[in-house]
């Protein structure tokens, strides 16, 4: 998608038209039906030629802000980035190669985290590296028990 088609026209309208065509009333409902699927794959499903993952991510954040569920959004993005970066789950050993893959997934997650939650995301990353989850841990959604313990809801 290097020709810029994703940035032409009304991006928001295009996203909503595509999810409505698939029977969903929101981007969140579309994403929730596909737990742990990386963002780029969700975007490709909506339009490989004219939808960018960052556009879909922005729309999800807008909806989360409206519903006052930004922390859940942050956990959801965590799950999707971990699924993409370490698809087999948390490594048994954090050798150099595995540490790199984990760090890459965590840093992508932090980069996609809204400013309001950046400090919390960094603390979660530090905590998870200091005391790693069980080998093979692979959260399947934003309501994963361990993930909720690390990043509980705070919105009112």
Protein backbone atom coordinates (compact mmCIF):
# COMPACT_ATOMS: atom_id res chain seq x y z
CA UNK A 1 0.00 0.00 0.00
CA UNK A 2 2.55 2.57 -1.08
CA UNK A 3 0.48 4.54 -3.55
CA UNK A 4 -1.32 6.59 -0.90
CA UNK A 5 -4.85 5.35 -1.56
CA UNK A 6 -5.40 4.77 2.15
CA UNK A 7 -5.07 8.50 2.75
CA UNK A 8 -7.45 9.64 0.02
CA UNK A 9 -11.05 10.50 0.72
CA UNK A 10 -12.86 10.22 4.03
CA UNK A 11 -10.91 7.57 5.92
CA UNK A 12 -13.33 7.39 8.84
CA UNK A 13 -16.33 6.93 6.56
CA UNK A 14 -14.49 4.21 4.62
CA UNK A 15 -13.66 2.31 7.83
CA UNK A 16 -17.24 2.43 9.09
CA UNK A 17 -18.67 1.52 5.68
CA UNK A 18 -16.43 -1.56 5.59
CA UNK A 19 -17.30 -2.79 9.09
CA UNK A 20 -21.00 -2.15 8.47
CA UNK A 21 -20.78 -4.20 5.25
CA UNK A 22 -19.49 -7.05 7.41
CA UNK A 23 -22.37 -6.75 9.87
CA UNK A 24 -20.71 -4.81 12.70
CA UNK A 25 -21.86 -1.53 14.17
CA UNK A 26 -18.40 -0.38 15.27
CA UNK A 27 -14.70 -0.90 14.72
CA UNK A 28 -14.51 -2.27 18.25
CA UNK A 29 -17.17 -4.91 17.55
CA UNK A 30 -15.29 -5.92 14.39
CA UNK A 31 -12.01 -6.16 16.32
CA UNK A 32 -13.59 -7.96 19.29
CA UNK A 33 -14.84 -10.65 16.91
CA UNK A 34 -11.20 -11.25 15.98
CA UNK A 35 -9.35 -11.37 19.31
CA UNK A 36 -5.56 -11.39 19.21
CA UNK A 37 -5.45 -10.78 15.46
CA UNK A 38 -2.69 -8.27 14.66
CA UNK A 39 -3.83 -4.80 13.64
CA UNK A 40 -2.32 -4.97 10.18
CA UNK A 41 -4.39 -8.08 9.42
CA UNK A 42 -7.58 -6.38 10.59
CA UNK A 43 -6.79 -3.45 8.30
CA UNK A 44 -6.03 -5.77 5.39
CA UNK A 45 -9.37 -7.52 5.91
CA UNK A 46 -11.13 -4.17 5.57
CA UNK A 47 -9.17 -3.12 2.51
CA UNK A 48 -5.72 -4.26 1.60
CA UNK A 49 -5.31 -1.45 -0.90
CA UNK A 50 -6.90 1.46 0.94
CA UNK A 51 -6.92 0.88 4.70
CA UNK A 52 -3.86 1.33 6.90
CA UNK A 53 -3.45 -0.30 10.29
CA UNK A 54 -2.78 3.06 11.91
CA UNK A 55 -6.13 4.33 10.64
CA UNK A 56 -7.91 1.37 12.16
CA UNK A 57 -5.97 1.84 15.41
CA UNK A 58 -6.95 5.52 15.54
CA UNK A 59 -10.60 4.63 15.03
CA UNK A 60 -10.45 2.05 17.82
CA UNK A 61 -8.93 4.64 20.15
CA UNK A 62 -11.65 7.17 19.26
CA UNK A 63 -14.31 4.62 20.15
CA UNK A 64 -12.52 3.66 23.38
CA UNK A 65 -12.32 7.31 24.43
CA UNK A 66 -16.03 7.78 23.76
CA UNK A 67 -16.86 4.71 25.86
CA UNK A 68 -14.30 5.61 28.56
CA UNK A 69 -12.54 2.27 27.98
CA UNK A 70 -9.06 3.42 27.02
CA UNK A 71 -7.35 0.99 29.40
CA UNK A 72 -9.21 -1.90 27.78
CA UNK A 73 -8.09 -0.56 24.39
CA UNK A 74 -4.48 -0.49 25.65
CA UNK A 75 -4.76 -4.11 26.80
CA UNK A 76 -6.32 -5.08 23.47
CA UNK A 77 -3.43 -3.54 21.54
CA UNK A 78 -1.00 -5.32 23.89
CA UNK A 79 -2.61 -8.66 23.00
CA UNK A 80 -2.47 -7.91 19.29
CA UNK A 81 1.16 -6.79 19.35
CA UNK A 82 2.21 -9.81 21.42
CA UNK A 83 0.32 -12.10 19.06
CA UNK A 84 2.19 -10.61 16.13
CA UNK A 85 5.60 -10.44 17.80
CA UNK A 86 5.67 -13.73 19.71
CA UNK A 87 2.91 -15.84 18.16
CA UNK A 88 3.93 -19.01 20.03
CA UNK A 89 3.43 -17.31 23.37
CA UNK A 90 5.85 -16.17 26.03
CA UNK A 91 9.24 -17.82 25.50
CA UNK A 92 10.54 -20.41 27.93
CA UNK A 93 13.94 -18.73 28.00
CA UNK A 94 14.65 -15.06 27.40
CA UNK A 95 17.87 -15.55 25.47
CA UNK A 96 19.07 -12.76 23.19
CA UNK A 97 16.86 -13.74 20.25
CA UNK A 98 13.72 -14.11 22.37
CA UNK A 99 14.47 -10.98 24.38
CA UNK A 100 14.70 -9.05 21.11
CA UNK A 101 11.31 -10.38 19.91
CA UNK A 102 9.67 -9.57 23.25
CA UNK A 103 11.26 -6.11 23.37
CA UNK A 104 10.13 -5.42 19.82
CA UNK A 105 6.53 -6.40 20.63
CA UNK A 106 6.51 -4.38 23.87
CA UNK A 107 8.04 -1.31 22.24
CA UNK A 108 5.48 -1.42 19.41
CA UNK A 109 2.74 -1.66 22.01
CA UNK A 110 4.10 1.32 23.93
CA UNK A 111 4.40 3.30 20.70
CA UNK A 112 0.70 2.66 19.99
CA UNK A 113 -0.35 3.50 23.55
CA UNK A 114 -1.99 6.91 24.05
CA UNK A 115 0.03 9.47 25.98
CA UNK A 116 -2.40 9.20 28.90
CA UNK A 117 -1.33 5.59 29.45
CA UNK A 118 2.36 5.69 28.47
CA UNK A 119 3.69 5.61 32.04
CA UNK A 120 1.48 2.67 32.92
CA UNK A 121 2.55 0.83 29.77
CA UNK A 122 6.21 1.31 30.63
CA UNK A 123 5.60 0.01 34.16
CA UNK A 124 3.80 -3.04 32.76
CA UNK A 125 6.69 -3.71 30.39
CA UNK A 126 9.20 -3.46 33.23
CA UNK A 127 7.08 -5.69 35.45
CA UNK A 128 6.60 -8.36 32.80
CA UNK A 129 10.31 -8.46 32.03
CA UNK A 130 11.24 -8.51 35.72
CA UNK A 131 8.78 -11.25 36.59
CA UNK A 132 7.93 -13.02 33.33
CA UNK A 133 4.60 -14.76 32.83
CA UNK A 134 4.46 -18.55 32.50
CA UNK A 135 6.12 -20.07 29.48
CA UNK A 136 3.69 -20.17 26.56
CA UNK A 137 1.45 -17.43 27.99
CA UNK A 138 -0.47 -15.91 25.15
CA UNK A 139 -3.33 -13.64 26.13
CA UNK A 140 -6.28 -14.16 23.83
CA UNK A 141 -8.04 -10.90 24.56
CA UNK A 142 -8.01 -7.71 26.63
CA UNK A 143 -9.74 -9.41 29.55
CA UNK A 144 -6.95 -11.92 30.16
CA UNK A 145 -6.62 -12.37 33.95
CA UNK A 146 -2.87 -11.71 34.12
CA UNK A 147 -3.12 -8.74 31.80
CA UNK A 148 -5.98 -7.23 33.83
CA UNK A 149 -3.88 -7.66 36.98
CA UNK A 150 -0.99 -5.80 35.32
CA UNK A 151 -3.20 -3.11 33.78
CA UNK A 152 -6.52 -2.79 35.63
CA UNK A 153 -9.29 -0.50 34.46
CA UNK A 154 -9.18 3.00 35.91
CA UNK A 155 -11.75 4.90 33.86
CA UNK A 156 -14.79 6.32 35.58
